[in-house]
């Protein structure tokens, strides 16, 4: 394994999972998608396009957060 790569299945920041989950469901709600927190993450009734929209929006928001944090330092 090359330097800088993490072991598959190992989380880099353990406490990030709940925050990312909250963000995912918040965005899904904004897009009026029929998934709700506590639904055991079953999104099989959604299209790939809708799931991709949620993931893409998560990436956009995380990049914006990182840029804001870097600008503030």
PDB file of N, CA and C in Angstrom:
ATOM      1  N   UNK A   1       0.849  -1.172   0.000  1.00  0.00           N
ATOM      2  CA  UNK A   1       0.000   0.000   0.000  1.00  0.00           C
ATOM      3  C   UNK A   1       0.892   1.233   0.000  1.00  0.00           C
ATOM      4  N   UNK A   2       0.574   2.209  -0.838  1.00  0.00           N
ATOM      5  CA  UNK A   2       1.384   3.414  -0.966  1.00  0.00           C
ATOM      6  C   UNK A   2       1.194   4.321   0.243  1.00  0.00           C
ATOM      7  N   UNK A   3       2.184   5.150   0.482  1.00  0.00           N
ATOM      8  CA  UNK A   3       2.119   6.094   1.595  1.00  0.00           C
ATOM      9  C   UNK A   3       0.919   7.018   1.417  1.00  0.00           C
ATOM     10  N   UNK A   4       0.224   7.305   2.493  1.00  0.00           N
ATOM     11  CA  UNK A   4      -0.924   8.200   2.450  1.00  0.00           C
ATOM     12  C   UNK A   4      -2.254   7.510   2.222  1.00  0.00           C
ATOM     13  N   UNK A   5      -2.228   6.244   1.836  1.00  0.00           N
ATOM     14  CA  UNK A   5      -3.482   5.526   1.631  1.00  0.00           C
ATOM     15  C   UNK A   5      -3.913   4.895   2.943  1.00  0.00           C
ATOM     16  N   UNK A   6      -5.204   4.884   3.181  1.00  0.00           N
ATOM     17  CA  UNK A   6      -5.693   4.268   4.399  1.00  0.00           C
ATOM     18  C   UNK A   6      -6.105   2.834   4.135  1.00  0.00           C
ATOM     19  N   UNK A   7      -6.138   2.052   5.184  1.00  0.00           N
ATOM     20  CA  UNK A   7      -6.546   0.662   5.084  1.00  0.00           C
ATOM     21  C   UNK A   7      -8.033   0.610   4.753  1.00  0.00           C
ATOM     22  N   UNK A   8      -8.446  -0.225   3.796  1.00  0.00           N
ATOM     23  CA  UNK A   8      -9.868  -0.321   3.458  1.00  0.00           C
ATOM     24  C   UNK A   8     -10.701  -0.665   4.695  1.00  0.00           C
ATOM     25  N   UNK A   9     -11.813   0.040   4.847  1.00  0.00           N
ATOM     26  CA  UNK A   9     -12.705  -0.211   5.967  1.00  0.00           C
ATOM     27  C   UNK A   9     -12.348   0.541   7.231  1.00  0.00           C
ATOM     28  N   UNK A  10     -11.180   1.155   7.275  1.00  0.00           N
ATOM     29  CA  UNK A  10     -10.768   1.902   8.469  1.00  0.00           C
ATOM     30  C   UNK A  10     -11.113   3.373   8.279  1.00  0.00           C
ATOM     31  N   UNK A  11     -11.848   3.930   9.222  1.00  0.00           N
ATOM     32  CA  UNK A  11     -12.240   5.323   9.134  1.00  0.00           C
ATOM     33  C   UNK A  11     -11.091   6.211   9.598  1.00  0.00           C
ATOM     34  N   UNK A  12     -10.826   7.258   8.837  1.00  0.00           N
ATOM     35  CA  UNK A  12      -9.757   8.179   9.170  1.00  0.00           C
ATOM     36  C   UNK A  12     -10.149   9.043  10.371  1.00  0.00           C
ATOM     37  N   UNK A  13     -11.384   9.551  10.368  1.00  0.00           N
ATOM     38  CA  UNK A  13     -11.891  10.364  11.469  1.00  0.00           C
ATOM     39  C   UNK A  13     -13.147   9.667  11.986  1.00  0.00           C
ATOM     40  N   UNK A  14     -13.022   9.014  13.122  1.00  0.00           N
ATOM     41  CA  UNK A  14     -14.116   8.186  13.650  1.00  0.00           C
ATOM     42  C   UNK A  14     -15.417   8.953  13.867  1.00  0.00           C
ATOM     43  N   UNK A  15     -15.341  10.190  14.352  1.00  0.00           N
ATOM     44  CA  UNK A  15     -16.547  10.941  14.699  1.00  0.00           C
ATOM     45  C   UNK A  15     -17.197  11.617  13.497  1.00  0.00           C
ATOM     46  N   UNK A  16     -16.620  11.467  12.318  1.00  0.00           N
ATOM     47  CA  UNK A  16     -17.172  12.121  11.130  1.00  0.00           C
ATOM     48  C   UNK A  16     -18.427  11.404  10.617  1.00  0.00           C
ATOM     49  N   UNK A  17     -18.553  10.122  10.862  1.00  0.00           N
ATOM     50  CA  UNK A  17     -19.674   9.352  10.301  1.00  0.00           C
ATOM     51  C   UNK A  17     -21.043   9.939  10.656  1.00  0.00           C
ATOM     52  N   UNK A  18     -21.331  10.234  11.929  1.00  0.00           N
ATOM     53  CA  UNK A  18     -22.655  10.794  12.238  1.00  0.00           C
ATOM     54  C   UNK A  18     -22.897  12.150  11.564  1.00  0.00           C
ATOM     55  N   UNK A  19     -21.863  12.976  11.482  1.00  0.00           N
ATOM     56  CA  UNK A  19     -22.017  14.286  10.844  1.00  0.00           C
ATOM     57  C   UNK A  19     -22.297  14.138   9.354  1.00  0.00           C
ATOM     58  N   UNK A  20     -21.600  13.211   8.706  1.00  0.00           N
ATOM     59  CA  UNK A  20     -21.831  12.978   7.276  1.00  0.00           C
ATOM     60  C   UNK A  20     -23.211  12.382   7.036  1.00  0.00           C
ATOM     61  N   UNK A  21     -23.627  11.500   7.930  1.00  0.00           N
ATOM     62  CA  UNK A  21     -24.969  10.926   7.821  1.00  0.00           C
ATOM     63  C   UNK A  21     -26.028  12.021   7.937  1.00  0.00           C
ATOM     64  N   UNK A  22     -25.851  12.920   8.915  1.00  0.00           N
ATOM     65  CA  UNK A  22     -26.803  14.023   9.076  1.00  0.00           C
ATOM     66  C   UNK A  22     -26.851  14.888   7.825  1.00  0.00           C
ATOM     67  N   UNK A  23     -25.678  15.178   7.260  1.00  0.00           N
ATOM     68  CA  UNK A  23     -25.621  15.991   6.052  1.00  0.00           C
ATOM     69  C   UNK A  23     -26.344  15.288   4.909  1.00  0.00           C
ATOM     70  N   UNK A  24     -26.121  13.999   4.766  1.00  0.00           N
ATOM     71  CA  UNK A  24     -26.739  13.224   3.686  1.00  0.00           C
ATOM     72  C   UNK A  24     -28.262  13.311   3.760  1.00  0.00           C
ATOM     73  N   UNK A  25     -28.816  13.103   4.941  1.00  0.00           N
ATOM     74  CA  UNK A  25     -30.274  13.118   5.074  1.00  0.00           C
ATOM     75  C   UNK A  25     -30.839  14.532   4.971  1.00  0.00           C
ATOM     76  N   UNK A  26     -30.077  15.530   5.393  1.00  0.00           N
ATOM     77  CA  UNK A  26     -30.505  16.920   5.248  1.00  0.00           C
ATOM     78  C   UNK A  26     -30.620  17.272   3.758  1.00  0.00           C
ATOM     79  N   UNK A  27     -29.621  16.876   2.985  1.00  0.00           N
ATOM     80  CA  UNK A  27     -29.637  17.148   1.544  1.00  0.00           C
ATOM     81  C   UNK A  27     -30.757  16.363   0.871  1.00  0.00           C
ATOM     82  N   UNK A  28     -30.930  15.109   1.234  1.00  0.00           N
ATOM     83  CA  UNK A  28     -32.014  14.302   0.658  1.00  0.00           C
ATOM     84  C   UNK A  28     -33.365  14.957   0.926  1.00  0.00           C
ATOM     85  N   UNK A  29     -33.523  15.510   2.119  1.00  0.00           N
ATOM     86  CA  UNK A  29     -34.765  16.195   2.465  1.00  0.00           C
ATOM     87  C   UNK A  29     -34.944  17.448   1.602  1.00  0.00           C
ATOM     88  N   UNK A  30     -33.862  18.198   1.394  1.00  0.00           N
ATOM     89  CA  UNK A  30     -33.927  19.392   0.555  1.00  0.00           C
ATOM     90  C   UNK A  30     -34.320  19.048  -0.877  1.00  0.00           C
ATOM     91  N   UNK A  31     -33.912  17.872  -1.348  1.00  0.00           N
ATOM     92  CA  UNK A  31     -34.259  17.410  -2.693  1.00  0.00           C
ATOM     93  C   UNK A  31     -35.606  16.680  -2.719  1.00  0.00           C
ATOM     94  N   UNK A  32     -36.304  16.647  -1.589  1.00  0.00           N
ATOM     95  CA  UNK A  32     -37.607  15.977  -1.470  1.00  0.00           C
ATOM     96  C   UNK A  32     -37.543  14.495  -1.830  1.00  0.00           C
ATOM     97  N   UNK A  33     -36.479  13.840  -1.424  1.00  0.00           N
ATOM     98  CA  UNK A  33     -36.336  12.405  -1.666  1.00  0.00           C
ATOM     99  C   UNK A  33     -36.972  11.640  -0.507  1.00  0.00           C
ATOM    100  N   UNK A  34     -37.637  10.534  -0.790  1.00  0.00           N
ATOM    101  CA  UNK A  34     -38.371   9.796   0.240  1.00  0.00           C
ATOM    102  C   UNK A  34     -37.490   8.854   1.084  1.00  0.00           C
ATOM    103  N   UNK A  35     -36.463   9.406   1.724  1.00  0.00           N
ATOM    104  CA  UNK A  35     -35.635   8.632   2.655  1.00  0.00           C
ATOM    105  C   UNK A  35     -35.565   9.417   3.958  1.00  0.00           C
ATOM    106  N   UNK A  36     -35.488   8.692   5.041  1.00  0.00           N
ATOM    107  CA  UNK A  36     -35.524   9.335   6.351  1.00  0.00           C
ATOM    108  C   UNK A  36     -34.473   8.718   7.239  1.00  0.00           C
ATOM    109  N   UNK A  37     -33.890   9.551   8.076  1.00  0.00           N
ATOM    110  CA  UNK A  37     -32.860   9.070   8.987  1.00  0.00           C
ATOM    111  C   UNK A  37     -33.456   7.961   9.856  1.00  0.00           C
ATOM    112  N   UNK A  38     -32.672   6.908  10.033  1.00  0.00           N
ATOM    113  CA  UNK A  38     -33.151   5.757  10.782  1.00  0.00           C
ATOM    114  C   UNK A  38     -33.748   4.695   9.885  1.00  0.00           C
ATOM    115  N   UNK A  39     -33.659   4.896   8.575  1.00  0.00           N
ATOM    116  CA  UNK A  39     -34.225   3.930   7.641  1.00  0.00           C
ATOM    117  C   UNK A  39     -33.219   2.847   7.275  1.00  0.00           C
ATOM    118  N   UNK A  40     -32.196   2.689   8.093  1.00  0.00           N
ATOM    119  CA  UNK A  40     -31.167   1.660   7.883  1.00  0.00           C
ATOM    120  C   UNK A  40     -30.427   1.841   6.562  1.00  0.00           C
ATOM    121  N   UNK A  41     -30.377   3.080   6.096  1.00  0.00           N
ATOM    122  CA  UNK A  41     -29.640   3.418   4.879  1.00  0.00           C
ATOM    123  C   UNK A  41     -30.090   2.644   3.647  1.00  0.00           C
ATOM    124  N   UNK A  42     -31.342   2.230   3.566  1.00  0.00           N
ATOM    125  CA  UNK A  42     -31.838   1.582   2.351  1.00  0.00           C
ATOM    126  C   UNK A  42     -32.318   2.666   1.400  1.00  0.00           C
ATOM    127  N   UNK A  43     -31.597   2.797   0.329  1.00  0.00           N
ATOM    128  CA  UNK A  43     -31.949   3.787  -0.684  1.00  0.00           C
ATOM    129  C   UNK A  43     -32.261   3.088  -2.005  1.00  0.00           C
ATOM    130  N   UNK A  44     -32.593   1.805  -1.965  1.00  0.00           N
ATOM    131  CA  UNK A  44     -32.804   1.017  -3.171  1.00  0.00           C
ATOM    132  C   UNK A  44     -33.986   1.451  -4.011  1.00  0.00           C
ATOM    133  N   UNK A  45     -34.874   2.227  -3.435  1.00  0.00           N
ATOM    134  CA  UNK A  45     -36.032   2.684  -4.198  1.00  0.00           C
ATOM    135  C   UNK A  45     -35.752   3.994  -4.939  1.00  0.00           C
ATOM    136  N   UNK A  46     -34.530   4.510  -4.830  1.00  0.00           N
ATOM    137  CA  UNK A  46     -34.159   5.749  -5.515  1.00  0.00           C
ATOM    138  C   UNK A  46     -33.339   5.441  -6.759  1.00  0.00           C
ATOM    139  N   UNK A  47     -33.354   6.375  -7.675  1.00  0.00           N
ATOM    140  CA  UNK A  47     -32.546   6.203  -8.885  1.00  0.00           C
ATOM    141  C   UNK A  47     -31.079   6.507  -8.574  1.00  0.00           C
ATOM    142  N   UNK A  48     -30.205   6.008  -9.401  1.00  0.00           N
ATOM    143  CA  UNK A  48     -28.774   6.309  -9.265  1.00  0.00           C
ATOM    144  C   UNK A  48     -28.547   7.809  -9.402  1.00  0.00           C
ATOM    145  N   UNK A  49     -29.315   8.420 -10.257  1.00  0.00           N
ATOM    146  CA  UNK A  49     -29.192   9.871 -10.468  1.00  0.00           C
ATOM    147  C   UNK A  49     -29.482  10.636  -9.178  1.00  0.00           C
ATOM    148  N   UNK A  50     -30.548  10.264  -8.470  1.00  0.00           N
ATOM    149  CA  UNK A  50     -30.887  10.943  -7.223  1.00  0.00           C
ATOM    150  C   UNK A  50     -29.814  10.713  -6.155  1.00  0.00           C
ATOM    151  N   UNK A  51     -29.339   9.492  -6.055  1.00  0.00           N
ATOM    152  CA  UNK A  51     -28.277   9.203  -5.080  1.00  0.00           C
ATOM    153  C   UNK A  51     -27.016   9.995  -5.416  1.00  0.00           C
ATOM    154  N   UNK A  52     -26.714  10.096  -6.705  1.00  0.00           N
ATOM    155  CA  UNK A  52     -25.560  10.861  -7.141  1.00  0.00           C
ATOM    156  C   UNK A  52     -25.707  12.340  -6.866  1.00  0.00           C
ATOM    157  N   UNK A  53     -26.913  12.864  -6.988  1.00  0.00           N
ATOM    158  CA  UNK A  53     -27.165  14.276  -6.665  1.00  0.00           C
ATOM    159  C   UNK A  53     -26.847  14.545  -5.207  1.00  0.00           C
ATOM    160  N   UNK A  54     -27.258  13.630  -4.328  1.00  0.00           N
ATOM    161  CA  UNK A  54     -26.990  13.801  -2.894  1.00  0.00           C
ATOM    162  C   UNK A  54     -25.482  13.764  -2.642  1.00  0.00           C
ATOM    163  N   UNK A  55     -24.809  12.765  -3.199  1.00  0.00           N
ATOM    164  CA  UNK A  55     -23.363  12.653  -3.008  1.00  0.00           C
ATOM    165  C   UNK A  55     -22.610  13.839  -3.578  1.00  0.00           C
ATOM    166  N   UNK A  56     -23.016  14.303  -4.751  1.00  0.00           N
ATOM    167  CA  UNK A  56     -22.374  15.461  -5.362  1.00  0.00           C
ATOM    168  C   UNK A  56     -22.538  16.718  -4.533  1.00  0.00           C
ATOM    169  N   UNK A  57     -23.727  16.900  -3.990  1.00  0.00           N
ATOM    170  CA  UNK A  57     -23.980  18.071  -3.142  1.00  0.00           C
ATOM    171  C   UNK A  57     -23.171  17.984  -1.855  1.00  0.00           C
ATOM    172  N   UNK A  58     -23.022  16.770  -1.314  1.00  0.00           N
ATOM    173  CA  UNK A  58     -22.193  16.602  -0.112  1.00  0.00           C
ATOM    174  C   UNK A  58     -20.756  17.039  -0.397  1.00  0.00           C
ATOM    175  N   UNK A  59     -20.232  16.620  -1.545  1.00  0.00           N
ATOM    176  CA  UNK A  59     -18.860  16.985  -1.914  1.00  0.00           C
ATOM    177  C   UNK A  59     -18.735  18.495  -2.064  1.00  0.00           C
ATOM    178  N   UNK A  60     -19.696  19.127  -2.743  1.00  0.00           N
ATOM    179  CA  UNK A  60     -19.657  20.589  -2.909  1.00  0.00           C
ATOM    180  C   UNK A  60     -19.616  21.296  -1.562  1.00  0.00           C
ATOM    181  N   UNK A  61     -20.454  20.849  -0.633  1.00  0.00           N
ATOM    182  CA  UNK A  61     -20.516  21.504   0.678  1.00  0.00           C
ATOM    183  C   UNK A  61     -19.245  21.269   1.486  1.00  0.00           C
ATOM    184  N   UNK A  62     -18.678  20.063   1.386  1.00  0.00           N
ATOM    185  CA  UNK A  62     -17.437  19.791   2.121  1.00  0.00           C
ATOM    186  C   UNK A  62     -16.279  20.608   1.560  1.00  0.00           C
ATOM    187  N   UNK A  63     -16.249  20.790   0.246  1.00  0.00           N
ATOM    188  CA  UNK A  63     -15.204  21.623  -0.358  1.00  0.00           C
ATOM    189  C   UNK A  63     -15.374  23.069   0.102  1.00  0.00           C
ATOM    190  N   UNK A  64     -16.599  23.568   0.112  1.00  0.00           N
ATOM    191  CA  UNK A  64     -16.853  24.934   0.564  1.00  0.00           C
ATOM    192  C   UNK A  64     -16.437  25.114   2.030  1.00  0.00           C
ATOM    193  N   UNK A  65     -16.742  24.104   2.871  1.00  0.00           N
ATOM    194  CA  UNK A  65     -16.339  24.177   4.283  1.00  0.00           C
ATOM    195  C   UNK A  65     -14.816  24.217   4.412  1.00  0.00           C
ATOM    196  N   UNK A  66     -14.136  23.402   3.643  1.00  0.00           N
ATOM    197  CA  UNK A  66     -12.663  23.355   3.706  1.00  0.00           C
ATOM    198  C   UNK A  66     -12.084  24.679   3.220  1.00  0.00           C
ATOM    199  N   UNK A  67     -12.631  25.231   2.140  1.00  0.00           N
ATOM    200  CA  UNK A  67     -12.147  26.522   1.628  1.00  0.00           C
ATOM    201  C   UNK A  67     -12.349  27.626   2.649  1.00  0.00           C
ATOM    202  N   UNK A  68     -13.520  27.644   3.289  1.00  0.00           N
ATOM    203  CA  UNK A  68     -13.780  28.649   4.317  1.00  0.00           C
ATOM    204  C   UNK A  68     -12.831  28.501   5.489  1.00  0.00           C
ATOM    205  N   UNK A  69     -12.575  27.275   5.893  1.00  0.00           N
ATOM    206  CA  UNK A  69     -11.665  27.026   7.016  1.00  0.00           C
ATOM    207  C   UNK A  69     -10.252  27.468   6.645  1.00  0.00           C
ATOM    208  N   UNK A  70      -9.815  27.161   5.434  1.00  0.00           N
ATOM    209  CA  UNK A  70      -8.475  27.547   5.001  1.00  0.00           C
ATOM    210  C   UNK A  70      -8.345  29.064   4.877  1.00  0.00           C
ATOM    211  N   UNK A  71      -9.380  29.725   4.421  1.00  0.00           N
ATOM    212  CA  UNK A  71      -9.355  31.176   4.278  1.00  0.00           C
ATOM    213  C   UNK A  71      -9.296  31.870   5.633  1.00  0.00           C
ATOM    214  N   UNK A  72      -9.858  31.224   6.644  1.00  0.00           N
ATOM    215  CA  UNK A  72      -9.879  31.804   7.978  1.00  0.00           C
ATOM    216  C   UNK A  72      -8.585  31.626   8.742  1.00  0.00           C
ATOM    217  N   UNK A  73      -7.663  30.834   8.222  1.00  0.00           N
ATOM    218  CA  UNK A  73      -6.400  30.575   8.945  1.00  0.00           C
ATOM    219  C   UNK A  73      -5.335  31.565   8.555  1.00  0.00           C
TER     220      UNK A  73
END
